[in-house]
C-alpha atoms as a PDB file:
ATOM      1  CA  UNK A   1     128.278  98.791 -44.475  1.00  0.00           C
ATOM      2  CA  UNK A   2     131.056 101.284 -45.697  1.00  0.00           C
ATOM      3  CA  UNK A   3     128.258 103.421 -47.323  1.00  0.00           C
ATOM      4  CA  UNK A   4     126.341 103.346 -43.769  1.00  0.00           C
ATOM      5  CA  UNK A   5     129.172 104.641 -42.262  1.00  0.00           C
ATOM      6  CA  UNK A   6     130.127 107.376 -44.559  1.00  0.00           C
ATOM      7  CA  UNK A   7     126.481 108.217 -44.476  1.00  0.00           C
ATOM      8  CA  UNK A   8     126.544 108.404 -40.515  1.00  0.00           C
ATOM      9  CA  UNK A   9     129.764 110.204 -40.635  1.00  0.00           C
ATOM     10  CA  UNK A  10     128.385 112.896 -42.997  1.00  0.00           C
ATOM     11  CA  UNK A  11     125.580 113.282 -40.642  1.00  0.00           C
ATOM     12  CA  UNK A  12     127.655 113.902 -37.999  1.00  0.00           C
ATOM     13  CA  UNK A  13     130.000 116.263 -39.441  1.00  0.00           C
ATOM     14  CA  UNK A  14     127.176 118.072 -40.794  1.00  0.00           C
ATOM     15  CA  UNK A  15     125.599 118.308 -37.301  1.00  0.00           C
ATOM     16  CA  UNK A  16     128.817 119.388 -35.777  1.00  0.00           C
ATOM     17  CA  UNK A  17     129.287 122.089 -38.365  1.00  0.00           C
ATOM     18  CA  UNK A  18     125.508 123.230 -38.212  1.00  0.00           C
ATOM     19  CA  UNK A  19     125.736 123.404 -34.368  1.00  0.00           C
ATOM     20  CA  UNK A  20     128.948 125.630 -34.493  1.00  0.00           C
ATOM     21  CA  UNK A  21     128.029 127.742 -37.255  1.00  0.00           C
ATOM     22  CA  UNK A  22     124.480 128.834 -36.048  1.00  0.00           C
ATOM     23  CA  UNK A  23     126.053 130.099 -32.629  1.00  0.00           C
ATOM     24  CA  UNK A  24     127.873 132.525 -34.547  1.00  0.00           C
ATOM     25  CA  UNK A  25     126.889 135.850 -34.542  1.00  0.00           C
ATOM     26  CA  UNK A  26     125.558 137.573 -38.022  1.00  0.00           C
ATOM     27  CA  UNK A  27     128.067 140.297 -37.406  1.00  0.00           C
ATOM     28  CA  UNK A  28     130.708 137.891 -38.322  1.00  0.00           C
ATOM     29  CA  UNK A  29     129.834 137.619 -41.505  1.00  0.00           C
ATOM     30  CA  UNK A  30     129.930 141.316 -42.423  1.00  0.00           C
ATOM     31  CA  UNK A  31     133.420 141.384 -40.522  1.00  0.00           C
ATOM     32  CA  UNK A  32     135.122 138.962 -43.196  1.00  0.00           C
ATOM     33  CA  UNK A  33     133.247 139.632 -46.547  1.00  0.00           C
ATOM     34  CA  UNK A  34     135.695 141.638 -47.741  1.00  0.00           C
ATOM     35  CA  UNK A  35     138.509 139.534 -46.963  1.00  0.00           C
ATOM     36  CA  UNK A  36     137.118 136.359 -48.020  1.00  0.00           C
ATOM     37  CA  UNK A  37     136.572 137.669 -51.608  1.00  0.00           C
ATOM     38  CA  UNK A  38     139.775 138.648 -52.098  1.00  0.00           C
ATOM     39  CA  UNK A  39     141.325 135.543 -50.920  1.00  0.00           C
ATOM     40  CA  UNK A  40     143.034 137.139 -47.923  1.00  0.00           C
ATOM     41  CA  UNK A  41     144.224 135.168 -45.042  1.00  0.00           C
ATOM     42  CA  UNK A  42     142.175 135.029 -41.950  1.00  0.00           C
ATOM     43  CA  UNK A  43     143.342 134.653 -38.785  1.00  0.00           C
ATOM     44  CA  UNK A  44     140.538 132.571 -36.964  1.00  0.00           C
ATOM     45  CA  UNK A  45     142.282 129.404 -35.987  1.00  0.00           C
ATOM     46  CA  UNK A  46     143.164 128.119 -39.615  1.00  0.00           C
ATOM     47  CA  UNK A  47     146.300 129.069 -41.591  1.00  0.00           C
ATOM     48  CA  UNK A  48     145.378 129.986 -45.124  1.00  0.00           C
ATOM     49  CA  UNK A  49     142.448 131.262 -47.420  1.00  0.00           C
ATOM     50  CA  UNK A  50     140.879 128.872 -50.111  1.00  0.00           C
ATOM     51  CA  UNK A  51     143.821 127.803 -52.906  1.00  0.00           C
ATOM     52  CA  UNK A  52     144.258 130.235 -55.875  1.00  0.00           C
ATOM     53  CA  UNK A  53     142.122 127.425 -58.067  1.00  0.00           C
ATOM     54  CA  UNK A  54     138.768 129.422 -56.804  1.00  0.00           C
ATOM     55  CA  UNK A  55     138.627 132.234 -59.057  1.00  0.00           C
ATOM     56  CA  UNK A  56     137.278 135.825 -57.933  1.00  0.00           C
ATOM     57  CA  UNK A  57     133.961 135.227 -59.968  1.00  0.00           C
ATOM     58  CA  UNK A  58     133.395 131.859 -58.110  1.00  0.00           C
ATOM     59  CA  UNK A  59     133.926 133.645 -54.813  1.00  0.00           C
ATOM     60  CA  UNK A  60     131.683 136.562 -55.684  1.00  0.00           C
ATOM     61  CA  UNK A  61     129.170 134.095 -56.359  1.00  0.00           C
ATOM     62  CA  UNK A  62     129.495 132.190 -53.142  1.00  0.00           C
ATOM     63  CA  UNK A  63     129.172 135.411 -51.288  1.00  0.00           C
ATOM     64  CA  UNK A  64     126.364 136.639 -53.167  1.00  0.00           C
ATOM     65  CA  UNK A  65     124.191 133.884 -52.289  1.00  0.00           C
ATOM     66  CA  UNK A  66     125.278 134.036 -48.577  1.00  0.00           C
ATOM     67  CA  UNK A  67     124.210 137.436 -48.525  1.00  0.00           C
ATOM     68  CA  UNK A  68     120.848 136.929 -50.304  1.00  0.00           C
ATOM     69  CA  UNK A  69     120.118 133.975 -48.038  1.00  0.00           C
ATOM     70  CA  UNK A  70     119.606 131.662 -50.787  1.00  0.00           C
ATOM     71  CA  UNK A  71     121.223 129.387 -48.605  1.00  0.00           C
ATOM     72  CA  UNK A  72     120.540 128.940 -44.783  1.00  0.00           C
ATOM     73  CA  UNK A  73     123.462 128.567 -42.568  1.00  0.00           C
ATOM     74  CA  UNK A  74     122.524 125.088 -41.468  1.00  0.00           C
ATOM     75  CA  UNK A  75     122.336 124.217 -45.250  1.00  0.00           C
ATOM     76  CA  UNK A  76     125.616 125.648 -45.810  1.00  0.00           C
ATOM     77  CA  UNK A  77     127.118 123.345 -42.894  1.00  0.00           C
ATOM     78  CA  UNK A  78     125.504 120.293 -44.329  1.00  0.00           C
ATOM     79  CA  UNK A  79     126.909 121.060 -47.821  1.00  0.00           C
ATOM     80  CA  UNK A  80     130.369 121.734 -46.466  1.00  0.00           C
ATOM     81  CA  UNK A  81     130.099 118.193 -44.612  1.00  0.00           C
ATOM     82  CA  UNK A  82     129.333 116.479 -47.877  1.00  0.00           C
ATOM     83  CA  UNK A  83     131.929 118.466 -49.737  1.00  0.00           C
ATOM     84  CA  UNK A  84     134.634 117.015 -47.447  1.00  0.00           C
ATOM     85  CA  UNK A  85     133.411 113.537 -47.903  1.00  0.00           C
ATOM     86  CA  UNK A  86     133.303 113.786 -51.579  1.00  0.00           C
ATOM     87  CA  UNK A  87     136.690 115.294 -51.691  1.00  0.00           C
ATOM     88  CA  UNK A  88     138.119 112.700 -49.374  1.00  0.00           C
ATOM     89  CA  UNK A  89     136.670 109.847 -51.645  1.00  0.00           C
ATOM     90  CA  UNK A  90     138.109 111.682 -54.922  1.00  0.00           C
ATOM     91  CA  UNK A  91     141.711 111.861 -53.230  1.00  0.00           C
ATOM     92  CA  UNK A  92     141.463 108.265 -52.057  1.00  0.00           C
ATOM     93  CA  UNK A  93     140.422 107.011 -55.166  1.00  0.00           C
ATOM     94  CA  UNK A  94     142.895 108.981 -57.170  1.00  0.00           C
ATOM     95  CA  UNK A  95     145.757 107.672 -54.945  1.00  0.00           C
ATOM     96  CA  UNK A  96     144.657 104.109 -55.120  1.00  0.00           C
ATOM     97  CA  UNK A  97     144.911 104.475 -58.935  1.00  0.00           C
ATOM     98  CA  UNK A  98     148.176 105.931 -59.024  1.00  0.00           C
ATOM     99  CA  UNK A  99     149.495 103.039 -57.043  1.00  0.00           C
ATOM    100  CA  UNK A 100     147.764 100.657 -59.530  1.00  0.00           C
ATOM    101  CA  UNK A 101     149.294 102.480 -62.273  1.00  0.00           C
ATOM    102  CA  UNK A 102     152.789 102.400 -60.901  1.00  0.00           C
ATOM    103  CA  UNK A 103     152.633  98.784 -59.935  1.00  0.00           C
ATOM    104  CA  UNK A 104     151.282  97.792 -63.364  1.00  0.00           C
ATOM    105  CA  UNK A 105     154.573  98.396 -65.137  1.00  0.00           C
ATOM    106  CA  UNK A 106     152.516  99.193 -68.201  1.00  0.00           C
ATOM    107  CA  UNK A 107     153.003 101.692 -70.836  1.00  0.00           C
ATOM    108  CA  UNK A 108     150.274 104.411 -70.389  1.00  0.00           C
ATOM    109  CA  UNK A 109     149.457 106.048 -73.160  1.00  0.00           C
ATOM    110  CA  UNK A 110     148.052 109.467 -71.358  1.00  0.00           C
ATOM    111  CA  UNK A 111     149.202 113.049 -70.789  1.00  0.00           C
ATOM    112  CA  UNK A 112     149.761 112.444 -67.069  1.00  0.00           C
ATOM    113  CA  UNK A 113     150.508 109.146 -65.724  1.00  0.00           C
ATOM    114  CA  UNK A 114     149.517 110.303 -62.259  1.00  0.00           C
ATOM    115  CA  UNK A 115     146.722 112.449 -60.646  1.00  0.00           C
ATOM    116  CA  UNK A 116     147.758 115.180 -58.641  1.00  0.00           C
ATOM    117  CA  UNK A 117     145.783 115.148 -55.357  1.00  0.00           C
ATOM    118  CA  UNK A 118     147.754 117.829 -53.072  1.00  0.00           C
ATOM    119  CA  UNK A 119     145.640 120.899 -53.960  1.00  0.00           C
ATOM    120  CA  UNK A 120     142.717 119.010 -53.075  1.00  0.00           C
ATOM    121  CA  UNK A 121     144.108 117.489 -50.000  1.00  0.00           C
ATOM    122  CA  UNK A 122     145.074 121.014 -48.478  1.00  0.00           C
ATOM    123  CA  UNK A 123     141.423 122.087 -48.917  1.00  0.00           C
ATOM    124  CA  UNK A 124     140.058 118.781 -47.298  1.00  0.00           C
ATOM    125  CA  UNK A 125     142.562 119.646 -44.227  1.00  0.00           C
ATOM    126  CA  UNK A 126     141.597 123.493 -44.305  1.00  0.00           C
ATOM    127  CA  UNK A 127     138.006 122.288 -43.951  1.00  0.00           C
ATOM    128  CA  UNK A 128     138.503 119.978 -41.266  1.00  0.00           C
ATOM    129  CA  UNK A 129     138.642 123.237 -39.066  1.00  0.00           C
ATOM    130  CA  UNK A 130     135.306 124.286 -40.510  1.00  0.00           C
ATOM    131  CA  UNK A 131     133.766 124.322 -37.147  1.00  0.00           C
ATOM    132  CA  UNK A 132     135.693 127.774 -36.115  1.00  0.00           C
ATOM    133  CA  UNK A 133     135.903 129.109 -39.649  1.00  0.00           C
ATOM    134  CA  UNK A 134     134.235 132.198 -40.436  1.00  0.00           C
ATOM    135  CA  UNK A 135     130.811 131.502 -42.502  1.00  0.00           C
ATOM    136  CA  UNK A 136     131.881 133.427 -45.315  1.00  0.00           C
ATOM    137  CA  UNK A 137     135.284 131.923 -45.594  1.00  0.00           C
ATOM    138  CA  UNK A 138     133.604 128.452 -45.447  1.00  0.00           C
ATOM    139  CA  UNK A 139     131.268 129.376 -48.230  1.00  0.00           C
ATOM    140  CA  UNK A 140     134.131 130.197 -50.516  1.00  0.00           C
ATOM    141  CA  UNK A 141     136.472 127.322 -49.422  1.00  0.00           C
ATOM    142  CA  UNK A 142     133.588 124.823 -50.010  1.00  0.00           C
ATOM    143  CA  UNK A 143     133.204 126.263 -53.373  1.00  0.00           C
ATOM    144  CA  UNK A 144     136.980 125.828 -54.173  1.00  0.00           C
ATOM    145  CA  UNK A 145     136.937 122.222 -52.457  1.00  0.00           C
ATOM    146  CA  UNK A 146     134.012 121.402 -55.023  1.00  0.00           C
ATOM    147  CA  UNK A 147     135.789 122.659 -57.961  1.00  0.00           C
ATOM    148  CA  UNK A 148     139.149 120.826 -57.168  1.00  0.00           C
ATOM    149  CA  UNK A 149     136.952 117.641 -56.465  1.00  0.00           C
ATOM    150  CA  UNK A 150     135.519 117.693 -60.284  1.00  0.00           C
ATOM    151  CA  UNK A 151     138.996 118.358 -61.550  1.00  0.00           C
ATOM    152  CA  UNK A 152     140.663 115.409 -59.507  1.00  0.00           C
ATOM    153  CA  UNK A 153     137.606 113.138 -60.430  1.00  0.00           C
ATOM    154  CA  UNK A 154     137.828 114.037 -64.140  1.00  0.00           C
ATOM    155  CA  UNK A 155     141.902 113.337 -64.124  1.00  0.00           C
ATOM    156  CA  UNK A 156     141.157 110.033 -62.276  1.00  0.00           C
ATOM    157  CA  UNK A 157     138.596 108.614 -64.761  1.00  0.00           C
ATOM    158  CA  UNK A 158     141.070 109.792 -67.906  1.00  0.00           C
ATOM    159  CA  UNK A 159     143.841 107.822 -66.277  1.00  0.00           C
ATOM    160  CA  UNK A 160     141.473 104.706 -65.342  1.00  0.00           C
ATOM    161  CA  UNK A 161     140.839 104.785 -68.928  1.00  0.00           C
ATOM    162  CA  UNK A 162     144.195 104.654 -70.024  1.00  0.00           C
ATOM    163  CA  UNK A 163     145.135 101.906 -67.335  1.00  0.00           C
ATOM    164  CA  UNK A 164     142.157  99.705 -68.735  1.00  0.00           C
ATOM    165  CA  UNK A 165     143.420 100.308 -72.219  1.00  0.00           C
ATOM    166  CA  UNK A 166     146.996  99.130 -71.463  1.00  0.00           C
ATOM    167  CA  UNK A 167     145.625  96.169 -69.366  1.00  0.00           C
ATOM    168  CA  UNK A 168     143.351  95.063 -72.428  1.00  0.00           C
ATOM    169  CA  UNK A 169     146.032  95.394 -74.746  1.00  0.00           C
ATOM    170  CA  UNK A 170     148.532  93.299 -72.479  1.00  0.00           C
ATOM    171  CA  UNK A 171     146.128  90.816 -72.524  1.00  0.00           C
ATOM    172  CA  UNK A 172     145.198  90.620 -76.217  1.00  0.00           C
ATOM    173  CA  UNK A 173     149.237  90.487 -76.928  1.00  0.00           C
ATOM    174  CA  UNK A 174     149.601  87.712 -74.210  1.00  0.00           C
ATOM    175  CA  UNK A 175     146.980  85.846 -75.776  1.00  0.00           C
ATOM    176  CA  UNK A 176     148.251  86.328 -79.227  1.00  0.00           C
ATOM    177  CA  UNK A 177     151.695  85.144 -77.959  1.00  0.00           C
ATOM    178  CA  UNK A 178     150.104  82.026 -76.265  1.00  0.00           C
ATOM    179  CA  UNK A 179     148.256  81.239 -79.610  1.00  0.00           C
ATOM    180  CA  UNK A 180     151.427  81.770 -81.555  1.00  0.00           C
ATOM    181  CA  UNK A 181     153.287  79.747 -79.266  1.00  0.00           C
ATOM    182  CA  UNK A 182     150.716  77.005 -79.273  1.00  0.00           C
ATOM    183  CA  UNK A 183     150.682  77.073 -83.225  1.00  0.00           C
ATOM    184  CA  UNK A 184     154.452  76.705 -83.265  1.00  0.00           C
ATOM    185  CA  UNK A 185     154.366  73.790 -80.984  1.00  0.00           C
ATOM    186  CA  UNK A 186     151.654  72.125 -82.869  1.00  0.00           C
ATOM    187  CA  UNK A 187     153.528  72.625 -86.345  1.00  0.00           C
ATOM    188  CA  UNK A 188     156.826  71.185 -84.477  1.00  0.00           C
ATOM    189  CA  UNK A 189     154.777  68.237 -83.498  1.00  0.00           C
ATOM    190  CA  UNK A 190     153.129  67.566 -86.742  1.00  0.00           C
ATOM    191  CA  UNK A 191     156.692  67.975 -88.585  1.00  0.00           C
ATOM    192  CA  UNK A 192     158.121  65.440 -86.220  1.00  0.00           C
ATOM    193  CA  UNK A 193     155.166  62.949 -86.727  1.00  0.00           C
ATOM    194  CA  UNK A 194     155.354  63.160 -90.356  1.00  0.00           C
ATOM    195  CA  UNK A 195     159.070  61.689 -90.583  1.00  0.00           C
ATOM    196  CA  UNK A 196     159.430  58.516 -91.287  1.00  0.00           C
ATOM    197  CA  UNK A 197     160.684  57.579 -87.789  1.00  0.00           C
ATOM    198  CA  UNK A 198     157.489  59.696 -86.582  1.00  0.00           C
ATOM    199  CA  UNK A 199     155.097  58.052 -88.890  1.00  0.00           C
ATOM    200  CA  UNK A 200     156.184  54.475 -87.743  1.00  0.00           C
ATOM    201  CA  UNK A 201     155.972  55.202 -84.373  1.00  0.00           C
ATOM    202  CA  UNK A 202     152.332  56.524 -84.757  1.00  0.00           C
ATOM    203  CA  UNK A 203     151.504  53.323 -86.715  1.00  0.00           C
ATOM    204  CA  UNK A 204     153.040  51.187 -84.359  1.00  0.00           C
ATOM    205  CA  UNK A 205     151.129  52.613 -81.210  1.00  0.00           C
ATOM    206  CA  UNK A 206     147.724  52.858 -83.238  1.00  0.00           C
ATOM    207  CA  UNK A 207     147.964  49.379 -84.291  1.00  0.00           C
ATOM    208  CA  UNK A 208     148.440  48.112 -80.732  1.00  0.00           C
ATOM    209  CA  UNK A 209     145.871  50.427 -79.016  1.00  0.00           C
ATOM    210  CA  UNK A 210     143.159  50.217 -81.516  1.00  0.00           C
ATOM    211  CA  UNK A 211     143.639  46.625 -83.123  1.00  0.00           C
ATOM    212  CA  UNK A 212     145.714  45.022 -80.740  1.00  0.00           C
ATOM    213  CA  UNK A 213     148.164  44.193 -83.219  1.00  0.00           C
ATOM    214  CA  UNK A 214     151.835  43.376 -81.956  1.00  0.00           C
ATOM    215  CA  UNK A 215     155.368  43.311 -83.128  1.00  0.00           C
ATOM    216  CA  UNK A 216     155.102  40.440 -85.482  1.00  0.00           C
ATOM    217  CA  UNK A 217     152.007  42.316 -87.259  1.00  0.00           C
ATOM    218  CA  UNK A 218     153.829  45.738 -87.294  1.00  0.00           C
ATOM    219  CA  UNK A 219     156.684  43.780 -88.858  1.00  0.00           C
ATOM    220  CA  UNK A 220     154.299  43.173 -91.950  1.00  0.00           C
ATOM    221  CA  UNK A 221     152.893  46.484 -91.905  1.00  0.00           C
ATOM    222  CA  UNK A 222     156.429  47.917 -92.177  1.00  0.00           C
ATOM    223  CA  UNK A 223     157.299  45.777 -94.980  1.00  0.00           C
ATOM    224  CA  UNK A 224     154.002  46.493 -96.817  1.00  0.00           C
ATOM    225  CA  UNK A 225     154.251  50.435 -96.413  1.00  0.00           C
ATOM    226  CA  UNK A 226     157.960  50.425 -97.140  1.00  0.00           C
ATOM    227  CA  UNK A 227     157.171  48.686-100.474  1.00  0.00           C
ATOM    228  CA  UNK A 228     154.228  51.220-101.217  1.00  0.00           C
ATOM    229  CA  UNK A 229     155.805  54.469-100.129  1.00  0.00           C
ATOM    230  CA  UNK A 230     158.820  54.390 -98.141  1.00  0.00           C
ATOM    231  CA  UNK A 231     156.526  55.719 -95.280  1.00  0.00           C
ATOM    232  CA  UNK A 232     156.450  59.116 -97.082  1.00  0.00           C
ATOM    233  CA  UNK A 233     153.062  60.898 -96.464  1.00  0.00           C
ATOM    234  CA  UNK A 234     153.603  63.081 -99.722  1.00  0.00           C
ATOM    235  CA  UNK A 235     154.195  59.892-101.865  1.00  0.00           C
ATOM    236  CA  UNK A 236     152.222  60.052-105.085  1.00  0.00           C
ATOM    237  CA  UNK A 237     151.969  57.408-107.646  1.00  0.00           C
ATOM    238  CA  UNK A 238     151.260  58.083-111.222  1.00  0.00           C
ATOM    239  CA  UNK A 239     148.167  55.974-111.021  1.00  0.00           C
ATOM    240  CA  UNK A 240     146.824  58.156-108.328  1.00  0.00           C
ATOM    241  CA  UNK A 241     147.595  56.270-105.363  1.00  0.00           C
ATOM    242  CA  UNK A 242     148.443  58.662-102.600  1.00  0.00           C
ATOM    243  CA  UNK A 243     150.319  58.928 -98.851  1.00  0.00           C
ATOM    244  CA  UNK A 244     151.768  56.150 -96.739  1.00  0.00           C
ATOM    245  CA  UNK A 245     149.019  53.740 -97.470  1.00  0.00           C
ATOM    246  CA  UNK A 246     148.745  54.449-101.263  1.00  0.00           C
ATOM    247  CA  UNK A 247     145.084  55.157-101.147  1.00  0.00           C
ATOM    248  CA  UNK A 248     143.443  55.033-104.347  1.00  0.00           C
ATOM    249  CA  UNK A 249     142.214  57.664-104.966  1.00  0.00           C
ATOM    250  CA  UNK A 250     143.993  59.817-102.013  1.00  0.00           C
ATOM    251  CA  UNK A 251     140.584  61.651-101.379  1.00  0.00           C
ATOM    252  CA  UNK A 252     139.443  58.295 -99.356  1.00  0.00           C
ATOM    253  CA  UNK A 253     141.674  59.213 -96.785  1.00  0.00           C
ATOM    254  CA  UNK A 254     139.187  62.273 -96.062  1.00  0.00           C
ATOM    255  CA  UNK A 255     136.994  60.103 -94.036  1.00  0.00           C
ATOM    256  CA  UNK A 256     139.578  59.744 -91.469  1.00  0.00           C
ATOM    257  CA  UNK A 257     140.193  63.374 -91.224  1.00  0.00           C
ATOM    258  CA  UNK A 258     140.265  66.627 -93.495  1.00  0.00           C
ATOM    259  CA  UNK A 259     143.929  66.983 -93.055  1.00  0.00           C
ATOM    260  CA  UNK A 260     144.773  63.875 -95.054  1.00  0.00           C
ATOM    261  CA  UNK A 261     146.915  65.627 -97.412  1.00  0.00           C
ATOM    262  CA  UNK A 262     149.158  66.777 -94.756  1.00  0.00           C
ATOM    263  CA  UNK A 263     149.078  64.718 -91.761  1.00  0.00           C
ATOM    264  CA  UNK A 264     150.907  61.335 -91.843  1.00  0.00           C
ATOM    265  CA  UNK A 265     148.589  60.228 -88.553  1.00  0.00           C
ATOM    266  CA  UNK A 266     145.479  60.811 -90.551  1.00  0.00           C
ATOM    267  CA  UNK A 267     146.794  58.525 -93.398  1.00  0.00           C
ATOM    268  CA  UNK A 268     147.984  55.703 -90.833  1.00  0.00           C
ATOM    269  CA  UNK A 269     144.487  55.524 -89.049  1.00  0.00           C
ATOM    270  CA  UNK A 270     142.920  55.325 -92.731  1.00  0.00           C
ATOM    271  CA  UNK A 271     145.351  52.804 -93.753  1.00  0.00           C
ATOM    272  CA  UNK A 272     144.991  50.598 -90.797  1.00  0.00           C
ATOM    273  CA  UNK A 273     141.097  50.790 -90.935  1.00  0.00           C
ATOM    274  CA  UNK A 274     141.493  49.763 -94.499  1.00  0.00           C
ATOM    275  CA  UNK A 275     143.851  46.993 -93.691  1.00  0.00           C
ATOM    276  CA  UNK A 276     141.505  45.503 -90.882  1.00  0.00           C
ATOM    277  CA  UNK A 277     138.246  45.816 -92.762  1.00  0.00           C
ATOM    278  CA  UNK A 278     139.767  44.103 -96.060  1.00  0.00           C
ATOM    279  CA  UNK A 279     142.450  41.893 -94.966  1.00  0.00           C
ATOM    280  CA  UNK A 280     142.026  41.325 -91.208  1.00  0.00           C
ATOM    281  CA  UNK A 281     145.626  41.835 -90.343  1.00  0.00           C
ATOM    282  CA  UNK A 282     148.688  43.665 -91.805  1.00  0.00           C
ATOM    283  CA  UNK A 283     150.519  40.246 -92.454  1.00  0.00           C
ATOM    284  CA  UNK A 284     147.580  39.238 -94.704  1.00  0.00           C
ATOM    285  CA  UNK A 285     147.845  42.163 -96.437  1.00  0.00           C
ATOM    286  CA  UNK A 286     151.357  41.983 -96.892  1.00  0.00           C
ATOM    287  CA  UNK A 287     151.068  38.450 -98.423  1.00  0.00           C
ATOM    288  CA  UNK A 288     148.339  39.755-100.831  1.00  0.00           C
ATOM    289  CA  UNK A 289     151.013  42.174-101.787  1.00  0.00           C
ATOM    290  CA  UNK A 290     153.596  39.820-102.367  1.00  0.00           C
ATOM    291  CA  UNK A 291     151.598  37.615-104.536  1.00  0.00           C
ATOM    292  CA  UNK A 292     149.789  40.428-106.438  1.00  0.00           C
ATOM    293  CA  UNK A 293     151.976  43.375-106.051  1.00  0.00           C
ATOM    294  CA  UNK A 294     149.333  45.358-104.689  1.00  0.00           C
ATOM    295  CA  UNK A 295     146.651  45.240-101.835  1.00  0.00           C
END
């Protein structure tokens, strides 16, 4: 809908400009030629000539095209309407980006952190009176506006790229910080779980939730593993028995998890499974250990 509205507006502007311009006398062109080439201010209902951005060479080219009849008057009117619309779009885009950059609060790596639209806005304002503007001045001012539009669009594109780069860097930094925080939290949780108290808490919960063993069974388990390893996940027996449950060899515990060497919970999971499959319960395993000094 916005594009259709813009198109209708451009068409309306073009029609208005065409109607006004075609009604002028050809002698008006000759009467203003020298003044337009030199950029002299014209007193025809507008205040100023094209901005200093349009150099003399461009003005001469525009004038030459006019006198060579390369562009019919109606085409000049249509082109001026399109030029104004494109310039307005460029100004709007640049100003919107300026607001986005300022509100982002990000460090922008660019030579300019805002796009200056003042000169182009002045050209657009001047072209707003194109229906009463001498034809030759209209041609030159349109050329200047097109040049300003291109410059603003290029600076907008450059600044947009810088803003995007800053946003991507912030997103990457935030992700890295979140990952680091998560890793630190996991490390802290693991360290806590690997303490004697942490390991006992894990074993009590796992024994109850997975095997239905209550406090009486945990009491036997506590006695058994206190004797075997003092609940030290790094315990290592000269025989090769390893970890809290003193698995022999320790690599057996890999069936419960690849982190069996560093995670008490993994060792406990394997140990409870072993006790359940071989002895049926921790108290049976503890009775066997008391009788034979191993389990």
